[in-house]
């Protein structure tokens, strides 16, 4: 198998991630010992990079102009992705909201429904129930006991979770919320 040994000339996040995925595909074909060695090597390099980033940021935090520059740099998708990978910055509100919704989606899907994120404008977000959940008689319980609760746990800074009404009339005859006490 031929591996391109030239340094990457890519600048966008998706291309850089494709390069990594391509290499991971090669590693997956290796025997267990070689995969373990590659994994240990990656963890060692990740550890080195994470420690360097932490020390750099710690050194710059005392300078207000440097803090502003760091905040501006984090807006770049590659910088953000690398710092998130190393757990140097916390997930964005959007990421935490999406993770909370991902946690409740299987229960909604089991009842033929889903939830859609309409808007994120901290401290407020807007959500819409779709599918069988839209217009269901048990939708208020589903929204408050399941979805809103999950959002509040994941994002304490979100203080207003608004249920944007859909078209309703899903035709569902299943009026039991997946979050109803059993």
N, C-alpha and C. Protein backbone atom coordinates (compact mmCIF):
# COMPACT_ATOMS: atom_id res chain seq x y z
N UNK A 1 0.85 -1.18 0.00
CA UNK A 1 0.00 0.00 0.00
C UNK A 1 0.89 1.24 0.00
N UNK A 2 0.60 2.17 -0.86
CA UNK A 2 1.40 3.38 -1.01
C UNK A 2 0.81 4.50 -0.15
N UNK A 3 1.68 5.14 0.60
CA UNK A 3 1.26 6.25 1.44
C UNK A 3 1.92 7.51 0.91
N UNK A 4 1.15 8.56 0.71
CA UNK A 4 1.68 9.85 0.28
C UNK A 4 2.46 10.44 1.44
N UNK A 5 3.76 10.57 1.28
CA UNK A 5 4.62 11.04 2.36
C UNK A 5 4.85 12.56 2.31
N UNK A 6 4.26 13.22 1.33
CA UNK A 6 4.41 14.67 1.23
C UNK A 6 3.57 15.35 2.32
N UNK A 7 4.05 16.47 2.85
CA UNK A 7 3.24 17.18 3.84
C UNK A 7 1.96 17.68 3.19
N UNK A 8 0.91 17.70 3.96
CA UNK A 8 -0.37 18.15 3.43
C UNK A 8 -0.32 19.64 3.10
N UNK A 9 -0.95 20.00 2.02
CA UNK A 9 -1.03 21.40 1.61
C UNK A 9 -2.45 21.93 1.79
N UNK A 10 -3.27 21.16 2.46
CA UNK A 10 -4.67 21.52 2.63
C UNK A 10 -4.81 22.54 3.76
N UNK A 11 -5.85 23.35 3.63
CA UNK A 11 -6.08 24.38 4.65
C UNK A 11 -7.45 24.28 5.30
N UNK A 12 -8.40 23.61 4.63
CA UNK A 12 -9.75 23.57 5.21
C UNK A 12 -9.92 22.33 6.09
N UNK A 13 -10.75 22.47 7.09
CA UNK A 13 -10.93 21.42 8.09
C UNK A 13 -11.38 20.11 7.47
N UNK A 14 -12.35 20.12 6.58
CA UNK A 14 -12.86 18.86 6.03
C UNK A 14 -11.78 18.11 5.27
N UNK A 15 -10.93 18.79 4.52
CA UNK A 15 -9.84 18.12 3.80
C UNK A 15 -8.80 17.56 4.77
N UNK A 16 -8.48 18.32 5.79
CA UNK A 16 -7.53 17.83 6.80
C UNK A 16 -8.07 16.59 7.50
N UNK A 17 -9.37 16.60 7.82
CA UNK A 17 -9.98 15.45 8.48
C UNK A 17 -10.04 14.24 7.55
N UNK A 18 -10.24 14.48 6.24
CA UNK A 18 -10.23 13.38 5.27
C UNK A 18 -8.85 12.73 5.22
N UNK A 19 -7.79 13.54 5.30
CA UNK A 19 -6.44 12.98 5.32
C UNK A 19 -6.25 12.07 6.53
N UNK A 20 -6.73 12.52 7.67
CA UNK A 20 -6.61 11.73 8.89
C UNK A 20 -7.42 10.45 8.77
N UNK A 21 -8.64 10.55 8.27
CA UNK A 21 -9.49 9.37 8.10
C UNK A 21 -8.86 8.37 7.13
N UNK A 22 -8.22 8.87 6.11
CA UNK A 22 -7.55 8.00 5.15
C UNK A 22 -6.45 7.19 5.84
N UNK A 23 -5.66 7.86 6.65
CA UNK A 23 -4.61 7.15 7.39
C UNK A 23 -5.20 6.17 8.39
N UNK A 24 -6.27 6.57 9.06
CA UNK A 24 -6.92 5.65 10.01
C UNK A 24 -7.43 4.41 9.29
N UNK A 25 -7.88 4.57 8.05
CA UNK A 25 -8.31 3.42 7.25
C UNK A 25 -7.17 2.45 7.00
N UNK A 26 -5.99 3.00 6.76
CA UNK A 26 -4.80 2.15 6.58
C UNK A 26 -4.47 1.44 7.89
N UNK A 27 -4.50 2.18 8.99
CA UNK A 27 -4.18 1.58 10.29
C UNK A 27 -5.12 0.43 10.62
N UNK A 28 -6.38 0.56 10.21
CA UNK A 28 -7.38 -0.48 10.52
C UNK A 28 -7.02 -1.81 9.87
N UNK A 29 -6.21 -1.77 8.82
CA UNK A 29 -5.82 -3.03 8.15
C UNK A 29 -4.62 -3.69 8.83
N UNK A 30 -3.99 -3.01 9.76
CA UNK A 30 -2.81 -3.53 10.43
C UNK A 30 -3.21 -4.54 11.49
N UNK A 31 -2.24 -5.36 11.91
CA UNK A 31 -2.51 -6.29 13.00
C UNK A 31 -2.61 -5.52 14.32
N UNK A 32 -3.12 -6.18 15.33
CA UNK A 32 -3.43 -5.54 16.62
C UNK A 32 -2.21 -4.85 17.24
N UNK A 33 -1.03 -5.47 17.21
CA UNK A 33 0.16 -4.87 17.80
C UNK A 33 0.55 -3.57 17.11
N UNK A 34 0.48 -3.56 15.78
CA UNK A 34 0.82 -2.36 15.05
C UNK A 34 -0.22 -1.25 15.27
N UNK A 35 -1.48 -1.62 15.32
CA UNK A 35 -2.54 -0.62 15.60
C UNK A 35 -2.35 -0.04 16.99
N UNK A 36 -1.99 -0.89 17.96
CA UNK A 36 -1.77 -0.41 19.34
C UNK A 36 -0.59 0.55 19.39
N UNK A 37 0.47 0.25 18.63
CA UNK A 37 1.64 1.13 18.60
C UNK A 37 1.28 2.48 17.97
N UNK A 38 0.53 2.45 16.87
CA UNK A 38 0.12 3.70 16.22
C UNK A 38 -0.77 4.51 17.15
N UNK A 39 -1.65 3.82 17.87
CA UNK A 39 -2.55 4.50 18.81
C UNK A 39 -1.76 5.13 19.95
N UNK A 40 -0.79 4.42 20.48
CA UNK A 40 0.04 4.96 21.57
C UNK A 40 0.85 6.16 21.08
N UNK A 41 1.34 6.06 19.86
CA UNK A 41 2.09 7.17 19.26
C UNK A 41 1.20 8.41 19.14
N UNK A 42 -0.03 8.20 18.67
CA UNK A 42 -0.97 9.32 18.53
C UNK A 42 -1.28 9.94 19.90
N UNK A 43 -1.51 9.10 20.91
CA UNK A 43 -1.80 9.64 22.25
C UNK A 43 -0.62 10.44 22.79
N UNK A 44 0.62 9.98 22.53
CA UNK A 44 1.80 10.70 23.00
C UNK A 44 1.91 12.06 22.33
N UNK A 45 1.69 12.09 21.02
CA UNK A 45 1.75 13.37 20.29
C UNK A 45 0.61 14.28 20.73
N UNK A 46 -0.59 13.72 20.89
CA UNK A 46 -1.73 14.52 21.37
C UNK A 46 -1.41 15.10 22.75
N UNK A 47 -0.83 14.30 23.62
CA UNK A 47 -0.47 14.77 24.96
C UNK A 47 0.52 15.93 24.91
N UNK A 48 1.53 15.79 24.05
CA UNK A 48 2.52 16.85 23.89
C UNK A 48 1.86 18.13 23.38
N UNK A 49 1.03 18.01 22.34
CA UNK A 49 0.36 19.19 21.78
C UNK A 49 -0.58 19.84 22.79
N UNK A 50 -1.35 19.03 23.49
CA UNK A 50 -2.29 19.57 24.48
C UNK A 50 -1.54 20.35 25.56
N UNK A 51 -0.46 19.79 26.06
CA UNK A 51 0.31 20.47 27.11
C UNK A 51 0.91 21.77 26.57
N UNK A 52 1.39 21.76 25.34
CA UNK A 52 1.95 22.98 24.75
C UNK A 52 0.88 24.06 24.61
N UNK A 53 -0.30 23.67 24.11
CA UNK A 53 -1.39 24.64 23.96
C UNK A 53 -1.80 25.20 25.32
N UNK A 54 -1.91 24.34 26.33
CA UNK A 54 -2.30 24.81 27.67
C UNK A 54 -1.29 25.80 28.22
N UNK A 55 -0.01 25.50 28.07
CA UNK A 55 1.03 26.41 28.57
C UNK A 55 1.02 27.73 27.81
N UNK A 56 0.83 27.66 26.52
CA UNK A 56 0.78 28.88 25.70
C UNK A 56 -0.39 29.75 26.13
N UNK A 57 -1.54 29.17 26.26
CA UNK A 57 -2.73 29.94 26.63
C UNK A 57 -2.60 30.48 28.05
N UNK A 58 -2.07 29.66 28.96
CA UNK A 58 -1.86 30.12 30.35
C UNK A 58 -0.91 31.33 30.37
N UNK A 59 0.14 31.30 29.55
CA UNK A 59 1.11 32.40 29.51
C UNK A 59 0.48 33.66 28.92
N UNK A 60 -0.45 33.50 27.99
CA UNK A 60 -1.04 34.66 27.32
C UNK A 60 -2.24 35.25 28.06
N UNK A 61 -2.81 34.50 28.99
CA UNK A 61 -4.04 34.95 29.67
C UNK A 61 -3.87 36.24 30.45
N UNK A 62 -2.67 36.56 30.86
CA UNK A 62 -2.48 37.77 31.67
C UNK A 62 -2.48 39.05 30.82
N UNK A 63 -2.45 38.90 29.52
CA UNK A 63 -2.41 40.04 28.61
C UNK A 63 -3.76 40.19 27.91
N UNK A 64 -4.54 41.25 28.23
CA UNK A 64 -5.88 41.42 27.64
C UNK A 64 -5.90 41.38 26.11
N UNK A 65 -4.91 41.96 25.46
CA UNK A 65 -4.89 41.95 23.99
C UNK A 65 -4.68 40.53 23.47
N UNK A 66 -3.88 39.74 24.18
CA UNK A 66 -3.64 38.35 23.78
C UNK A 66 -4.91 37.53 23.95
N UNK A 67 -5.66 37.79 25.02
CA UNK A 67 -6.92 37.06 25.25
C UNK A 67 -7.89 37.36 24.11
N UNK A 68 -7.96 38.61 23.71
CA UNK A 68 -8.83 38.99 22.59
C UNK A 68 -8.38 38.29 21.30
N UNK A 69 -7.07 38.21 21.09
CA UNK A 69 -6.54 37.56 19.90
C UNK A 69 -6.86 36.06 19.91
N UNK A 70 -6.76 35.44 21.07
CA UNK A 70 -7.09 34.01 21.20
C UNK A 70 -8.57 33.80 20.89
N UNK A 71 -9.43 34.64 21.44
CA UNK A 71 -10.87 34.52 21.17
C UNK A 71 -11.17 34.67 19.68
N UNK A 72 -10.46 35.56 19.03
CA UNK A 72 -10.64 35.73 17.58
C UNK A 72 -10.12 34.50 16.84
N UNK A 73 -9.00 33.97 17.25
CA UNK A 73 -8.42 32.80 16.58
C UNK A 73 -9.33 31.57 16.71
N UNK A 74 -10.02 31.45 17.83
CA UNK A 74 -10.90 30.30 18.06
C UNK A 74 -12.09 30.31 17.10
N UNK A 75 -12.37 31.43 16.49
CA UNK A 75 -13.45 31.48 15.49
C UNK A 75 -13.09 30.71 14.22
N UNK A 76 -11.80 30.48 14.00
CA UNK A 76 -11.35 29.69 12.86
C UNK A 76 -11.69 28.23 13.13
N UNK A 77 -12.30 27.55 12.16
CA UNK A 77 -12.77 26.18 12.37
C UNK A 77 -11.65 25.20 12.67
N UNK A 78 -10.48 25.38 12.09
CA UNK A 78 -9.37 24.47 12.35
C UNK A 78 -8.84 24.67 13.77
N UNK A 79 -8.63 25.92 14.15
CA UNK A 79 -8.17 26.23 15.51
C UNK A 79 -9.17 25.69 16.53
N UNK A 80 -10.45 25.97 16.29
CA UNK A 80 -11.50 25.50 17.20
C UNK A 80 -11.48 23.98 17.31
N UNK A 81 -11.41 23.28 16.18
CA UNK A 81 -11.45 21.82 16.19
C UNK A 81 -10.27 21.23 16.96
N UNK A 82 -9.09 21.80 16.78
CA UNK A 82 -7.90 21.29 17.47
C UNK A 82 -8.00 21.55 18.97
N UNK A 83 -8.41 22.75 19.35
CA UNK A 83 -8.52 23.05 20.78
C UNK A 83 -9.64 22.24 21.44
N UNK A 84 -10.73 21.96 20.71
CA UNK A 84 -11.80 21.08 21.23
C UNK A 84 -11.29 19.66 21.37
N UNK A 85 -10.54 19.20 20.39
CA UNK A 85 -9.98 17.84 20.43
C UNK A 85 -9.15 17.64 21.70
N UNK A 86 -8.44 18.66 22.09
CA UNK A 86 -7.59 18.58 23.27
C UNK A 86 -8.29 19.01 24.56
N UNK A 87 -9.60 19.24 24.48
CA UNK A 87 -10.40 19.67 25.64
C UNK A 87 -9.86 20.94 26.30
N UNK A 88 -9.33 21.82 25.49
CA UNK A 88 -8.80 23.08 26.01
C UNK A 88 -9.91 24.13 26.08
N UNK A 89 -10.86 24.04 25.18
CA UNK A 89 -12.03 24.89 25.26
C UNK A 89 -13.25 23.99 25.37
N UNK A 90 -14.28 24.50 26.02
CA UNK A 90 -15.48 23.69 26.21
C UNK A 90 -16.32 23.71 24.94
N UNK A 91 -17.15 22.71 24.80
CA UNK A 91 -18.02 22.67 23.61
C UNK A 91 -18.90 23.92 23.54
N UNK A 92 -19.21 24.33 22.34
CA UNK A 92 -20.08 25.49 22.15
C UNK A 92 -21.49 25.16 22.64
N UNK A 93 -22.29 26.18 22.81
CA UNK A 93 -23.69 25.99 23.20
C UNK A 93 -24.38 25.10 22.16
N UNK A 94 -24.15 25.38 20.89
CA UNK A 94 -24.77 24.58 19.83
C UNK A 94 -24.40 23.11 19.97
N UNK A 95 -23.12 22.82 20.21
CA UNK A 95 -22.68 21.43 20.35
C UNK A 95 -23.36 20.75 21.54
N UNK A 96 -23.45 21.48 22.65
CA UNK A 96 -24.07 20.89 23.84
C UNK A 96 -25.57 20.70 23.66
N UNK A 97 -26.22 21.65 22.98
CA UNK A 97 -27.65 21.49 22.70
C UNK A 97 -27.87 20.28 21.79
N UNK A 98 -27.07 20.17 20.73
CA UNK A 98 -27.20 19.04 19.81
C UNK A 98 -26.94 17.71 20.52
N UNK A 99 -25.98 17.68 21.43
CA UNK A 99 -25.70 16.45 22.19
C UNK A 99 -26.89 16.09 23.08
N UNK A 100 -27.49 17.09 23.71
CA UNK A 100 -28.67 16.84 24.55
C UNK A 100 -29.82 16.31 23.70
N UNK A 101 -30.02 16.90 22.54
CA UNK A 101 -31.10 16.44 21.65
C UNK A 101 -30.81 15.03 21.13
N UNK A 102 -29.56 14.74 20.86
CA UNK A 102 -29.20 13.39 20.41
C UNK A 102 -29.55 12.35 21.47
N UNK A 103 -29.48 12.75 22.74
CA UNK A 103 -29.83 11.84 23.83
C UNK A 103 -31.31 11.51 23.93
N UNK A 104 -32.16 12.43 23.48
CA UNK A 104 -33.61 12.18 23.56
C UNK A 104 -34.20 11.69 22.25
N UNK A 105 -33.47 11.87 21.17
CA UNK A 105 -34.01 11.48 19.86
C UNK A 105 -34.41 10.01 19.74
N UNK A 106 -33.65 9.07 20.31
CA UNK A 106 -34.08 7.67 20.17
C UNK A 106 -35.47 7.41 20.77
N UNK A 107 -35.77 8.06 21.89
CA UNK A 107 -37.08 7.88 22.52
C UNK A 107 -38.18 8.51 21.67
N UNK A 108 -37.89 9.68 21.09
CA UNK A 108 -38.85 10.33 20.21
C UNK A 108 -39.07 9.48 18.95
N UNK A 109 -37.99 8.98 18.39
CA UNK A 109 -38.07 8.16 17.17
C UNK A 109 -38.89 6.90 17.40
N UNK A 110 -38.80 6.34 18.60
CA UNK A 110 -39.58 5.13 18.91
C UNK A 110 -41.07 5.41 18.85
N UNK A 111 -41.45 6.67 18.96
CA UNK A 111 -42.85 7.07 18.88
C UNK A 111 -43.15 7.75 17.54
N UNK A 112 -42.21 7.69 16.61
CA UNK A 112 -42.43 8.26 15.28
C UNK A 112 -42.18 9.75 15.17
N UNK A 113 -41.47 10.31 16.14
CA UNK A 113 -41.25 11.76 16.11
C UNK A 113 -39.79 12.14 16.20
N UNK A 114 -39.57 13.43 16.28
CA UNK A 114 -38.23 13.98 16.39
C UNK A 114 -38.34 15.41 16.90
N UNK A 115 -37.20 16.03 17.11
CA UNK A 115 -37.15 17.43 17.53
C UNK A 115 -36.15 18.13 16.63
N UNK A 116 -36.48 19.36 16.27
CA UNK A 116 -35.63 20.14 15.38
C UNK A 116 -35.22 21.42 16.09
N UNK A 117 -33.94 21.73 16.02
CA UNK A 117 -33.43 22.97 16.58
C UNK A 117 -33.74 24.10 15.60
N UNK A 118 -34.48 25.08 16.05
CA UNK A 118 -34.90 26.20 15.19
C UNK A 118 -33.92 27.36 15.32
N UNK A 119 -33.58 27.75 16.56
CA UNK A 119 -32.69 28.89 16.77
C UNK A 119 -31.97 28.76 18.10
N UNK A 120 -30.73 29.22 18.12
CA UNK A 120 -29.94 29.29 19.35
C UNK A 120 -29.49 30.74 19.50
N UNK A 121 -30.07 31.41 20.48
CA UNK A 121 -29.71 32.79 20.78
C UNK A 121 -29.66 32.91 22.29
N UNK A 122 -28.53 32.44 22.91
CA UNK A 122 -28.44 32.42 24.37
C UNK A 122 -28.88 33.74 24.98
N UNK A 123 -29.64 33.67 26.03
CA UNK A 123 -29.98 32.50 26.87
C UNK A 123 -31.23 31.75 26.41
N UNK A 124 -31.62 31.93 25.15
CA UNK A 124 -32.86 31.33 24.66
C UNK A 124 -32.57 30.42 23.47
N UNK A 125 -33.32 29.31 23.41
CA UNK A 125 -33.31 28.48 22.21
C UNK A 125 -34.74 28.17 21.82
N UNK A 126 -34.93 27.88 20.55
CA UNK A 126 -36.25 27.51 20.05
C UNK A 126 -36.16 26.14 19.41
N UNK A 127 -37.14 25.31 19.76
CA UNK A 127 -37.21 23.94 19.26
C UNK A 127 -38.59 23.67 18.70
N UNK A 128 -38.64 22.74 17.77
CA UNK A 128 -39.92 22.35 17.19
C UNK A 128 -40.01 20.83 17.18
N UNK A 129 -41.14 20.32 17.65
CA UNK A 129 -41.39 18.88 17.56
C UNK A 129 -41.88 18.58 16.14
N UNK A 130 -41.39 17.48 15.59
CA UNK A 130 -41.79 17.12 14.23
C UNK A 130 -42.21 15.65 14.19
N UNK A 131 -42.77 15.25 13.10
CA UNK A 131 -43.25 13.88 12.96
C UNK A 131 -44.46 13.65 13.84
N UNK A 132 -44.56 12.47 14.40
CA UNK A 132 -45.71 12.11 15.23
C UNK A 132 -45.81 12.97 16.49
N UNK A 133 -44.70 13.56 16.92
CA UNK A 133 -44.73 14.40 18.13
C UNK A 133 -45.40 15.74 17.88
N UNK A 134 -45.37 16.21 16.65
CA UNK A 134 -45.99 17.48 16.32
C UNK A 134 -47.51 17.34 16.39
N UNK A 135 -48.10 18.02 17.32
CA UNK A 135 -49.55 17.98 17.47
C UNK A 135 -50.06 16.85 18.35
N UNK A 136 -49.17 16.02 18.87
CA UNK A 136 -49.58 14.92 19.75
C UNK A 136 -50.10 15.49 21.07
N UNK A 137 -51.12 14.85 21.61
CA UNK A 137 -51.69 15.30 22.88
C UNK A 137 -50.69 15.25 24.03
N UNK A 138 -49.70 14.39 23.91
CA UNK A 138 -48.70 14.25 24.98
C UNK A 138 -47.45 15.09 24.71
N UNK A 139 -47.50 15.95 23.70
CA UNK A 139 -46.30 16.70 23.32
C UNK A 139 -45.81 17.65 24.42
N UNK A 140 -46.70 18.21 25.21
CA UNK A 140 -46.27 19.12 26.28
C UNK A 140 -45.43 18.36 27.31
N UNK A 141 -45.87 17.16 27.68
CA UNK A 141 -45.10 16.34 28.62
C UNK A 141 -43.75 15.97 28.00
N UNK A 142 -43.78 15.55 26.74
CA UNK A 142 -42.54 15.18 26.05
C UNK A 142 -41.58 16.36 26.03
N UNK A 143 -42.11 17.53 25.71
CA UNK A 143 -41.26 18.72 25.60
C UNK A 143 -40.66 19.09 26.96
N UNK A 144 -41.49 19.17 27.99
CA UNK A 144 -41.01 19.65 29.29
C UNK A 144 -40.22 18.60 30.06
N UNK A 145 -40.73 17.38 30.14
CA UNK A 145 -40.08 16.36 30.96
C UNK A 145 -38.87 15.74 30.27
N UNK A 146 -38.85 15.75 28.97
CA UNK A 146 -37.76 15.11 28.25
C UNK A 146 -36.79 16.10 27.63
N UNK A 147 -37.28 16.82 26.66
CA UNK A 147 -36.41 17.68 25.86
C UNK A 147 -35.88 18.87 26.66
N UNK A 148 -36.77 19.61 27.27
CA UNK A 148 -36.36 20.80 28.04
C UNK A 148 -35.43 20.41 29.18
N UNK A 149 -35.75 19.33 29.86
CA UNK A 149 -34.92 18.85 30.96
C UNK A 149 -33.51 18.50 30.48
N UNK A 150 -33.41 17.83 29.34
CA UNK A 150 -32.10 17.46 28.80
C UNK A 150 -31.28 18.70 28.44
N UNK A 151 -31.95 19.69 27.86
CA UNK A 151 -31.27 20.94 27.49
C UNK A 151 -30.77 21.66 28.75
N UNK A 152 -31.62 21.75 29.75
CA UNK A 152 -31.24 22.45 30.99
C UNK A 152 -30.05 21.79 31.67
N UNK A 153 -29.97 20.46 31.62
CA UNK A 153 -28.84 19.76 32.23
C UNK A 153 -27.56 20.01 31.44
N UNK A 154 -27.64 20.01 30.13
CA UNK A 154 -26.46 20.17 29.29
C UNK A 154 -25.99 21.61 29.19
N UNK A 155 -26.93 22.56 29.30
CA UNK A 155 -26.62 23.97 29.07
C UNK A 155 -27.28 24.84 30.13
N UNK A 156 -26.70 24.93 31.31
CA UNK A 156 -27.32 25.74 32.36
C UNK A 156 -27.49 27.21 31.99
N UNK A 157 -26.70 27.70 31.04
CA UNK A 157 -26.82 29.09 30.63
C UNK A 157 -28.04 29.33 29.75
N UNK A 158 -28.66 28.28 29.26
CA UNK A 158 -29.91 28.41 28.52
C UNK A 158 -31.04 28.45 29.54
N UNK A 159 -31.67 29.59 29.64
CA UNK A 159 -32.72 29.77 30.66
C UNK A 159 -34.12 29.79 30.06
N UNK A 160 -34.20 29.84 28.75
CA UNK A 160 -35.51 29.86 28.09
C UNK A 160 -35.50 28.88 26.93
N UNK A 161 -36.28 27.82 27.06
CA UNK A 161 -36.42 26.83 26.00
C UNK A 161 -37.84 26.97 25.47
N UNK A 162 -37.94 27.44 24.24
CA UNK A 162 -39.24 27.76 23.65
C UNK A 162 -39.66 26.67 22.68
N UNK A 163 -40.90 26.22 22.84
CA UNK A 163 -41.48 25.23 21.94
C UNK A 163 -42.19 25.98 20.83
N UNK A 164 -41.61 25.96 19.64
CA UNK A 164 -42.21 26.59 18.47
C UNK A 164 -43.19 25.58 17.90
N UNK A 165 -44.42 25.98 17.79
CA UNK A 165 -45.46 25.07 17.31
C UNK A 165 -45.29 24.82 15.81
N UNK A 166 -45.53 23.57 15.44
CA UNK A 166 -45.48 23.18 14.03
C UNK A 166 -46.88 23.25 13.43
N UNK A 167 -47.05 22.52 12.39
CA UNK A 167 -48.35 22.50 11.71
C UNK A 167 -49.36 21.64 12.45
N UNK A 168 -48.88 20.74 13.28
CA UNK A 168 -49.78 19.87 14.05
C UNK A 168 -50.46 18.85 13.17
N UNK A 169 -51.34 18.09 13.80
CA UNK A 169 -52.13 17.12 13.04
C UNK A 169 -51.31 16.03 12.40
N UNK A 170 -50.41 15.41 13.17
CA UNK A 170 -49.57 14.37 12.61
C UNK A 170 -50.35 13.11 12.28
N UNK A 171 -51.55 13.01 12.78
CA UNK A 171 -52.35 11.83 12.52
C UNK A 171 -52.00 10.67 13.44
N UNK A 172 -51.12 10.91 14.39
CA UNK A 172 -50.70 9.84 15.30
C UNK A 172 -51.82 9.53 16.29
N UNK A 173 -51.99 8.26 16.56
CA UNK A 173 -52.96 7.88 17.58
C UNK A 173 -52.27 7.46 18.86
N UNK A 174 -50.93 7.57 18.89
CA UNK A 174 -50.14 7.20 20.07
C UNK A 174 -49.99 8.45 20.94
N UNK A 175 -50.80 8.56 21.98
CA UNK A 175 -50.80 9.75 22.81
C UNK A 175 -50.02 9.58 24.10
N UNK A 176 -49.03 8.72 24.11
CA UNK A 176 -48.22 8.50 25.30
C UNK A 176 -46.84 9.09 25.07
N UNK A 177 -46.44 9.96 25.94
CA UNK A 177 -45.12 10.55 25.83
C UNK A 177 -44.06 9.51 26.17
N UNK A 178 -42.95 9.50 25.45
CA UNK A 178 -41.88 8.59 25.81
C UNK A 178 -41.28 8.93 27.16
N UNK A 179 -41.63 10.10 27.71
CA UNK A 179 -41.12 10.53 29.01
C UNK A 179 -42.16 10.40 30.12
N UNK A 180 -43.30 9.76 29.83
CA UNK A 180 -44.31 9.54 30.84
C UNK A 180 -43.79 8.56 31.88
N UNK A 181 -44.11 8.79 33.12
CA UNK A 181 -43.69 7.88 34.20
C UNK A 181 -44.29 6.50 33.95
N UNK A 182 -43.47 5.49 34.11
CA UNK A 182 -43.94 4.13 33.85
C UNK A 182 -44.22 3.41 35.13
